[in-house]
Amino acid sequence: MHCPLCQSQNITPYYQGKNANYLSCSRCELVFVTKEYHLSDTEEKFRYDKHQNNPNDSAYQAFLSQVFDPVIAHIKKGAKGLDFGCGPGPTLSLMFEKQGHQVDLFDKFYANNPEVFSNQYDFITATEVVEHLSEPRFEFNRFFTLLKKGSVLAIMTQMITKETDFPTWYYKNDPTHICFFSKQTMRYLAQQWGVKIKFFANNVVLFVS
């Protein structure tokens, strides 16, 4: 058994729930669900198909502005971005395009365009995505290699804090959520890639190269 993010074997039990077993890595502090509890792709997509992500929904746009606003403050006019895990109703990309930026899309279920991984980007966004990753090490390595010098990687996910009561935490109850990050986990990633890090509330982090 090893950590899916940093590959450390310093793994300890974290929580045993009714529907999943959770472990914790002492090196990067990632909390993760063991593989036997991961959903199949078919089961995972079935749940995502139920999401109501309407690009014309002002409340949804306001939710995404938590990522949009700090990224806009860091990028130049005409920047090129990638919305990773855009889902069935891409919205964040439209918000950036209205400001004159170009945005490519990738989602393994709804926009499976592997050619995007041959490009270089000024910014990458992953909103409510990283908690779903079965191979976070692979995906984060790919994120950072796709970024140009001076670019931004923006992640939105609910992070574990010392105040989190994990047994009652709603975020863990979604069976597609299999990785849980803390600010220390994010700092570990920033240190590994030699980039700066900025936190916004407890659910948005920017990696700035």
Protein backbone atom coordinates (compact mmCIF):
# COMPACT_ATOMS: atom_id res chain seq x y z
CA MET A 1 0.00 0.00 0.00
CA HIS A 2 1.34 3.43 -0.92
CA CYS A 3 0.04 6.99 -1.15
CA PRO A 4 -1.47 7.73 -4.59
CA LEU A 5 -0.07 11.26 -4.48
CA CYS A 6 3.49 11.06 -3.12
CA GLN A 7 4.05 7.26 -3.26
CA SER A 8 5.06 7.10 0.39
CA GLN A 9 4.45 3.82 2.20
CA ASN A 10 4.02 5.62 5.53
CA ILE A 11 0.28 5.01 5.54
CA THR A 12 -1.95 4.82 8.61
CA PRO A 13 -5.66 4.09 9.10
CA TYR A 14 -7.73 7.27 9.20
CA TYR A 15 -11.40 6.29 9.33
CA GLN A 16 -13.52 3.24 8.65
CA GLY A 17 -16.95 4.15 7.36
CA LYS A 18 -19.94 2.09 6.32
CA ASN A 19 -19.14 2.41 2.64
CA ALA A 20 -15.40 3.10 2.49
CA ASN A 21 -12.06 2.69 4.21
CA TYR A 22 -9.94 5.83 4.52
CA LEU A 23 -6.17 6.00 4.95
CA SER A 24 -3.83 8.90 5.65
CA CYS A 25 -0.32 9.58 4.37
CA SER A 26 2.12 10.90 6.97
CA ARG A 27 4.33 12.46 4.28
CA CYS A 28 1.93 14.64 2.26
CA GLU A 29 -1.12 14.30 4.55
CA LEU A 30 -3.45 13.18 1.77
CA VAL A 31 -6.48 11.23 3.01
CA PHE A 32 -7.70 8.70 0.48
CA VAL A 33 -10.13 5.86 -0.10
CA THR A 34 -8.67 2.42 -0.72
CA LYS A 35 -9.13 1.11 -4.26
CA GLU A 36 -11.62 -1.63 -3.50
CA TYR A 37 -14.15 1.12 -2.76
CA HIS A 38 -13.61 3.06 -6.00
CA LEU A 39 -16.59 3.14 -8.33
CA SER A 40 -16.34 1.78 -11.86
CA ASP A 41 -16.30 4.32 -14.70
CA THR A 42 -19.89 3.39 -15.51
CA GLU A 43 -21.05 3.97 -11.93
CA GLU A 44 -19.07 7.19 -11.70
CA LYS A 45 -20.49 8.64 -14.92
CA PHE A 46 -24.02 7.68 -13.87
CA ARG A 47 -23.68 9.99 -10.87
CA TYR A 48 -22.17 12.82 -12.92
CA ASP A 49 -24.98 12.59 -15.46
CA LYS A 50 -27.32 13.72 -12.69
CA HIS A 51 -25.45 16.99 -12.16
CA GLN A 52 -27.32 20.12 -13.21
CA ASN A 53 -24.52 22.40 -14.39
CA ASN A 54 -26.33 25.08 -16.37
CA PRO A 55 -24.07 27.77 -17.91
CA ASN A 56 -26.96 30.25 -17.59
CA ASP A 57 -27.41 29.61 -13.87
CA SER A 58 -26.28 32.78 -12.06
CA ALA A 59 -25.84 30.89 -8.77
CA TYR A 60 -23.53 28.38 -10.46
CA GLN A 61 -21.56 31.22 -12.04
CA ALA A 62 -21.23 32.85 -8.62
CA PHE A 63 -19.94 29.56 -7.22
CA LEU A 64 -17.32 29.32 -9.98
CA SER A 65 -16.30 32.95 -9.46
CA GLN A 66 -14.37 31.71 -6.41
CA VAL A 67 -11.87 30.34 -8.95
CA PHE A 68 -12.52 32.75 -11.81
CA ASP A 69 -11.76 35.96 -9.88
CA PRO A 70 -8.29 35.04 -8.54
CA VAL A 71 -7.23 33.52 -11.88
CA ILE A 72 -8.32 36.63 -13.81
CA ALA A 73 -6.15 38.69 -11.47
CA HIS A 74 -3.07 36.64 -12.43
CA ILE A 75 -3.35 36.22 -16.20
CA LYS A 76 -2.70 38.57 -19.10
CA LYS A 77 -5.03 39.56 -21.88
CA GLY A 78 -5.59 36.81 -24.45
CA ALA A 79 -4.29 34.02 -22.22
CA LYS A 80 -4.82 30.39 -23.18
CA GLY A 81 -6.27 28.03 -20.61
CA LEU A 82 -7.45 24.49 -19.99
CA ASP A 83 -10.57 23.61 -18.01
CA PHE A 84 -9.73 20.12 -16.76
CA GLY A 85 -12.76 18.09 -15.70
CA CYS A 86 -15.21 20.52 -17.25
CA GLY A 87 -18.20 18.22 -16.74
CA PRO A 88 -21.37 17.91 -18.82
CA GLY A 89 -22.15 21.64 -18.78
CA PRO A 90 -18.95 23.67 -19.25
CA THR A 91 -19.44 27.09 -17.68
CA LEU A 92 -16.12 28.36 -16.34
CA SER A 93 -14.65 28.27 -19.85
CA LEU A 94 -17.45 30.52 -21.11
CA MET A 95 -16.77 33.00 -18.32
CA PHE A 96 -13.12 33.23 -19.38
CA GLU A 97 -14.00 33.43 -23.08
CA LYS A 98 -16.26 36.41 -22.40
CA GLN A 99 -13.13 38.15 -21.09
CA GLY A 100 -11.21 37.41 -24.30
CA HIS A 101 -9.35 34.27 -23.25
CA GLN A 102 -9.15 30.98 -25.15
CA VAL A 103 -10.02 27.84 -23.20
CA ASP A 104 -9.64 24.19 -24.16
CA LEU A 105 -11.75 21.53 -22.47
CA PHE A 106 -10.95 18.10 -21.12
CA ASP A 107 -13.14 15.63 -19.29
CA LYS A 108 -12.70 11.86 -19.51
CA PHE A 109 -16.46 11.42 -19.83
CA TYR A 110 -17.74 14.55 -21.59
CA ALA A 111 -14.82 16.09 -23.47
CA ASN A 112 -12.23 13.36 -23.98
CA ASN A 113 -9.78 15.39 -26.05
CA PRO A 114 -6.31 13.94 -25.31
CA GLU A 115 -4.71 16.29 -27.83
CA VAL A 116 -4.87 19.05 -25.20
CA PHE A 117 -1.99 17.35 -23.40
CA SER A 118 0.33 18.31 -26.24
CA ASN A 119 -0.26 22.01 -25.58
CA GLN A 120 1.13 24.57 -23.17
CA TYR A 121 -1.15 26.80 -21.13
CA ASP A 122 -1.14 30.12 -19.29
CA PHE A 123 -3.67 28.77 -16.82
CA ILE A 124 -5.35 25.50 -15.88
CA THR A 125 -8.49 25.19 -13.78
CA ALA A 126 -9.79 22.08 -12.02
CA THR A 127 -12.95 22.87 -10.09
CA GLU A 128 -14.35 20.12 -7.87
CA VAL A 129 -12.16 17.60 -9.71
CA VAL A 130 -9.11 16.52 -7.72
CA GLU A 131 -11.19 14.80 -5.04
CA HIS A 132 -12.30 12.36 -7.78
CA LEU A 133 -8.81 11.38 -8.98
CA SER A 134 -7.74 7.77 -8.60
CA GLU A 135 -4.21 8.68 -9.75
CA PRO A 136 -3.59 12.19 -8.37
CA ARG A 137 0.20 11.92 -8.71
CA PHE A 138 -0.08 11.32 -12.45
CA GLU A 139 -2.60 14.10 -12.98
CA PHE A 140 -0.74 16.73 -10.93
CA ASN A 141 2.51 15.90 -12.69
CA ARG A 142 0.70 16.40 -15.97
CA PHE A 143 -0.81 19.69 -14.83
CA PHE A 144 2.56 21.17 -13.98
CA THR A 145 4.23 20.01 -17.20
CA LEU A 146 1.46 21.65 -19.26
CA LEU A 147 2.01 25.07 -17.70
CA LYS A 148 4.10 27.83 -19.25
CA LYS A 149 6.50 29.93 -17.20
CA GLY A 150 4.54 32.48 -15.19
CA SER A 151 1.32 30.51 -15.41
CA VAL A 152 -1.36 29.54 -12.88
CA LEU A 153 -2.92 26.26 -11.78
CA ALA A 154 -6.20 26.81 -9.92
CA ILE A 155 -7.73 24.03 -7.84
CA MET A 156 -11.12 24.09 -6.14
CA THR A 157 -11.84 21.35 -3.60
CA GLN A 158 -13.04 21.27 -0.01
CA MET A 159 -9.96 20.86 2.14
CA ILE A 160 -9.63 19.02 5.43
CA THR A 161 -8.76 21.20 8.40
CA LYS A 162 -8.06 20.48 12.05
CA GLU A 163 -11.67 21.47 12.72
CA THR A 164 -13.13 18.95 10.25
CA ASP A 165 -15.26 16.32 11.94
CA PHE A 166 -14.57 13.65 9.37
CA PRO A 167 -17.20 11.08 10.45
CA THR A 168 -19.97 13.68 9.90
CA TRP A 169 -18.31 15.58 7.03
CA TYR A 170 -20.74 15.79 4.10
CA TYR A 171 -17.94 15.95 1.53
CA LYS A 172 -16.81 12.38 2.16
CA ASN A 173 -20.32 11.00 1.63
CA ASP A 174 -20.16 11.28 -2.15
CA PRO A 175 -18.75 7.89 -3.25
CA THR A 176 -16.96 9.55 -6.19
CA HIS A 177 -14.87 11.56 -3.69
CA ILE A 178 -11.79 9.43 -3.06
CA CYS A 179 -8.99 11.95 -2.30
CA PHE A 180 -9.09 14.64 0.34
CA PHE A 181 -6.49 17.40 0.50
CA SER A 182 -5.39 19.70 3.30
CA LYS A 183 -3.46 22.94 3.00
CA GLN A 184 -0.38 20.99 4.02
CA THR A 185 -0.95 18.60 1.11
CA MET A 186 -1.13 21.56 -1.24
CA ARG A 187 2.06 23.01 0.24
CA TYR A 188 3.75 19.68 -0.36
CA LEU A 189 2.81 19.90 -4.06
CA ALA A 190 4.04 23.48 -4.31
CA GLN A 191 7.37 22.51 -2.75
CA GLN A 192 7.76 19.55 -5.09
CA TRP A 193 7.31 21.76 -8.15
CA GLY A 194 9.06 24.87 -6.83
CA VAL A 195 6.05 27.15 -7.27
CA LYS A 196 4.33 29.74 -5.09
CA ILE A 197 1.01 28.97 -3.49
CA LYS A 198 -1.96 31.15 -2.52
CA PHE A 199 -5.05 30.05 -0.61
CA PHE A 200 -8.50 31.56 -0.96
CA ALA A 201 -10.87 30.54 1.86
CA ASN A 202 -10.74 26.79 2.48
CA ASN A 203 -11.59 25.53 -0.98
CA VAL A 204 -9.48 27.34 -3.58
CA VAL A 205 -5.73 27.25 -4.09
CA LEU A 206 -3.57 28.84 -6.79
CA PHE A 207 -0.16 27.49 -7.75
CA VAL A 208 1.79 30.29 -9.40
CA SER A 209 4.99 29.54 -11.30
